[in-house]
């Protein structure tokens, strides 16, 4: 019998990386400011405020774009 299995892989952040979170309370554009063993610090590219959270992201897709940060 075959089964459909959904596979998740934790994303490995790189300092300076520009990311976009598609949904949820952290939705929007961010820059990776710092990475530790269990946490990631993200910086808002508009306000420059930084927030440190436990690592939470999973890679869905990578895209090339000329517009970053995007419009809300």
N, C-alpha and C. Protein backbone atom coordinates (compact mmCIF):
# COMPACT_ATOMS: atom_id res chain seq x y z
N UNK A 1 0.84 -1.17 0.00
CA UNK A 1 0.00 0.00 0.00
C UNK A 1 0.89 1.25 0.00
N UNK A 2 0.62 2.20 -0.88
CA UNK A 2 1.35 3.46 -0.93
C UNK A 2 0.66 4.50 -0.07
N UNK A 3 1.46 5.37 0.55
CA UNK A 3 0.94 6.44 1.39
C UNK A 3 1.51 7.77 0.93
N UNK A 4 0.71 8.79 1.01
CA UNK A 4 1.20 10.15 0.76
C UNK A 4 1.73 10.68 2.08
N UNK A 5 2.99 11.11 2.07
CA UNK A 5 3.64 11.61 3.27
C UNK A 5 4.12 13.04 3.02
N UNK A 6 3.79 13.94 3.90
CA UNK A 6 4.26 15.32 3.81
C UNK A 6 5.54 15.44 4.62
N UNK A 7 6.60 15.93 4.00
CA UNK A 7 7.92 16.00 4.63
C UNK A 7 8.28 17.47 4.88
N UNK A 8 8.69 17.78 6.09
CA UNK A 8 9.14 19.12 6.48
C UNK A 8 10.62 19.07 6.83
N UNK A 9 11.35 20.08 6.41
CA UNK A 9 12.76 20.20 6.78
C UNK A 9 12.98 21.58 7.38
N UNK A 10 13.58 21.66 8.57
CA UNK A 10 13.87 22.96 9.15
C UNK A 10 14.76 23.77 8.21
N UNK A 11 14.49 25.05 8.13
CA UNK A 11 15.27 25.92 7.26
C UNK A 11 16.52 26.41 7.98
N UNK A 12 17.65 26.38 7.31
CA UNK A 12 18.91 26.87 7.89
C UNK A 12 19.10 28.31 7.43
N UNK A 13 18.94 29.24 8.38
CA UNK A 13 19.04 30.66 8.08
C UNK A 13 20.49 31.10 7.90
N UNK A 14 20.69 32.16 7.09
CA UNK A 14 21.99 32.77 6.88
C UNK A 14 21.88 34.25 7.21
N UNK A 15 22.79 34.77 8.03
CA UNK A 15 22.77 36.19 8.39
C UNK A 15 22.85 37.04 7.12
N UNK A 16 22.00 38.05 7.04
CA UNK A 16 21.95 38.94 5.89
C UNK A 16 20.93 38.51 4.84
N UNK A 17 20.40 37.32 4.98
CA UNK A 17 19.44 36.79 4.02
C UNK A 17 18.13 37.55 4.09
N UNK A 18 17.54 37.82 2.95
CA UNK A 18 16.24 38.47 2.85
C UNK A 18 15.19 37.39 2.66
N UNK A 19 14.18 37.40 3.53
CA UNK A 19 13.16 36.35 3.49
C UNK A 19 11.77 36.96 3.47
N UNK A 20 10.81 36.16 3.03
CA UNK A 20 9.40 36.54 3.06
C UNK A 20 8.63 35.40 3.72
N UNK A 21 7.87 35.74 4.76
CA UNK A 21 7.02 34.75 5.44
C UNK A 21 5.61 34.97 4.93
N UNK A 22 5.03 33.91 4.36
CA UNK A 22 3.76 33.98 3.66
C UNK A 22 2.53 34.22 4.53
N UNK A 23 2.54 33.69 5.74
CA UNK A 23 1.33 33.79 6.56
C UNK A 23 1.68 33.72 8.04
N UNK A 24 0.67 33.92 8.87
CA UNK A 24 0.87 33.84 10.31
C UNK A 24 1.21 35.18 10.91
N UNK A 25 1.49 35.17 12.20
CA UNK A 25 1.73 36.43 12.91
C UNK A 25 3.05 37.10 12.53
N UNK A 26 3.96 36.38 11.91
CA UNK A 26 5.24 36.94 11.48
C UNK A 26 5.25 37.25 9.98
N UNK A 27 4.08 37.27 9.38
CA UNK A 27 3.92 37.48 7.93
C UNK A 27 4.63 38.75 7.48
N UNK A 28 5.31 38.64 6.34
CA UNK A 28 5.93 39.82 5.74
C UNK A 28 7.38 39.59 5.36
N UNK A 29 8.05 40.70 5.05
CA UNK A 29 9.45 40.66 4.65
C UNK A 29 10.35 40.91 5.85
N UNK A 30 11.45 40.18 5.89
CA UNK A 30 12.40 40.26 7.00
C UNK A 30 13.82 40.09 6.47
N UNK A 31 14.77 40.57 7.26
CA UNK A 31 16.19 40.29 7.01
C UNK A 31 16.70 39.52 8.22
N UNK A 32 17.49 38.48 7.98
CA UNK A 32 18.04 37.68 9.07
C UNK A 32 19.20 38.46 9.69
N UNK A 33 19.04 38.85 10.97
CA UNK A 33 20.04 39.66 11.66
C UNK A 33 21.04 38.81 12.44
N UNK A 34 20.59 37.68 13.00
CA UNK A 34 21.47 36.81 13.79
C UNK A 34 20.87 35.41 13.85
N UNK A 35 21.76 34.43 13.99
CA UNK A 35 21.34 33.04 14.09
C UNK A 35 22.11 32.39 15.24
N UNK A 36 21.39 31.72 16.13
CA UNK A 36 22.01 30.97 17.23
C UNK A 36 21.54 29.52 17.11
N UNK A 37 21.97 28.68 18.03
CA UNK A 37 21.61 27.26 17.96
C UNK A 37 20.11 27.03 17.88
N UNK A 38 19.35 27.74 18.72
CA UNK A 38 17.91 27.50 18.79
C UNK A 38 17.05 28.70 18.43
N UNK A 39 17.68 29.83 18.12
CA UNK A 39 16.90 31.05 17.83
C UNK A 39 17.37 31.72 16.54
N UNK A 40 16.50 32.57 16.04
CA UNK A 40 16.83 33.41 14.88
C UNK A 40 16.34 34.82 15.20
N UNK A 41 17.13 35.82 14.86
CA UNK A 41 16.73 37.21 15.04
C UNK A 41 16.44 37.80 13.68
N UNK A 42 15.21 38.30 13.52
CA UNK A 42 14.79 38.90 12.26
C UNK A 42 14.62 40.39 12.43
N UNK A 43 15.00 41.14 11.38
CA UNK A 43 14.90 42.60 11.38
C UNK A 43 13.89 43.03 10.33
N UNK A 44 12.98 43.92 10.72
CA UNK A 44 12.04 44.49 9.77
C UNK A 44 12.81 45.47 8.87
N UNK A 45 12.70 45.34 7.54
CA UNK A 45 13.46 46.21 6.65
C UNK A 45 12.94 47.65 6.62
N UNK A 46 11.75 47.89 7.14
CA UNK A 46 11.18 49.24 7.15
C UNK A 46 11.47 49.94 8.47
N UNK A 47 11.06 49.33 9.59
CA UNK A 47 11.22 49.96 10.91
C UNK A 47 12.59 49.69 11.53
N UNK A 48 13.29 48.67 11.02
CA UNK A 48 14.59 48.22 11.55
C UNK A 48 14.49 47.58 12.94
N UNK A 49 13.27 47.36 13.44
CA UNK A 49 13.09 46.68 14.72
C UNK A 49 13.49 45.22 14.56
N UNK A 50 14.10 44.66 15.62
CA UNK A 50 14.54 43.27 15.59
C UNK A 50 13.77 42.45 16.61
N UNK A 51 13.49 41.20 16.24
CA UNK A 51 12.78 40.27 17.09
C UNK A 51 13.50 38.93 17.08
N UNK A 52 13.67 38.33 18.25
CA UNK A 52 14.32 37.03 18.36
C UNK A 52 13.28 36.00 18.73
N UNK A 53 13.23 34.94 17.93
CA UNK A 53 12.28 33.86 18.15
C UNK A 53 12.99 32.52 18.09
N UNK A 54 12.37 31.50 18.68
CA UNK A 54 12.85 30.13 18.47
C UNK A 54 12.72 29.85 16.98
N UNK A 55 13.62 29.06 16.44
CA UNK A 55 13.56 28.74 15.01
C UNK A 55 12.23 28.09 14.68
N UNK A 56 11.61 28.51 13.56
CA UNK A 56 10.23 28.10 13.28
C UNK A 56 9.94 27.86 11.82
N UNK A 57 10.82 28.19 10.91
CA UNK A 57 10.51 28.17 9.48
C UNK A 57 10.90 26.87 8.79
N UNK A 58 10.17 26.61 7.72
CA UNK A 58 10.44 25.48 6.84
C UNK A 58 10.47 26.01 5.42
N UNK A 59 11.42 25.54 4.63
CA UNK A 59 11.58 26.02 3.25
C UNK A 59 10.43 25.55 2.37
N UNK A 60 9.82 26.49 1.65
CA UNK A 60 8.78 26.17 0.70
C UNK A 60 9.29 26.41 -0.72
N UNK A 61 9.91 27.57 -0.95
CA UNK A 61 10.33 27.95 -2.29
C UNK A 61 11.34 29.07 -2.20
N UNK A 62 12.21 29.20 -3.20
CA UNK A 62 13.11 30.35 -3.32
C UNK A 62 12.81 31.01 -4.64
N UNK A 63 12.71 32.34 -4.64
CA UNK A 63 12.37 33.09 -5.85
C UNK A 63 13.35 34.24 -6.06
N UNK A 64 13.58 34.59 -7.31
CA UNK A 64 14.35 35.78 -7.65
C UNK A 64 13.38 36.93 -7.82
N UNK A 65 13.67 38.08 -7.21
CA UNK A 65 12.79 39.24 -7.34
C UNK A 65 13.61 40.51 -7.28
N UNK A 66 13.11 41.55 -7.88
CA UNK A 66 13.77 42.85 -7.82
C UNK A 66 13.08 43.76 -6.82
N UNK A 67 11.91 43.33 -6.32
CA UNK A 67 11.14 44.13 -5.36
C UNK A 67 11.21 43.51 -3.99
N UNK A 68 11.95 44.15 -3.09
CA UNK A 68 12.05 43.71 -1.70
C UNK A 68 12.43 44.90 -0.86
N UNK A 69 11.77 45.26 0.23
CA UNK A 69 10.57 44.58 0.69
C UNK A 69 9.39 44.84 -0.22
N UNK A 70 8.45 43.93 -0.20
CA UNK A 70 7.25 44.04 -1.03
C UNK A 70 6.21 44.95 -0.39
N UNK A 71 5.17 45.21 -1.14
CA UNK A 71 4.07 46.01 -0.60
C UNK A 71 3.18 45.13 0.25
N UNK A 72 2.68 45.69 1.33
CA UNK A 72 1.80 44.93 2.22
C UNK A 72 0.41 44.82 1.69
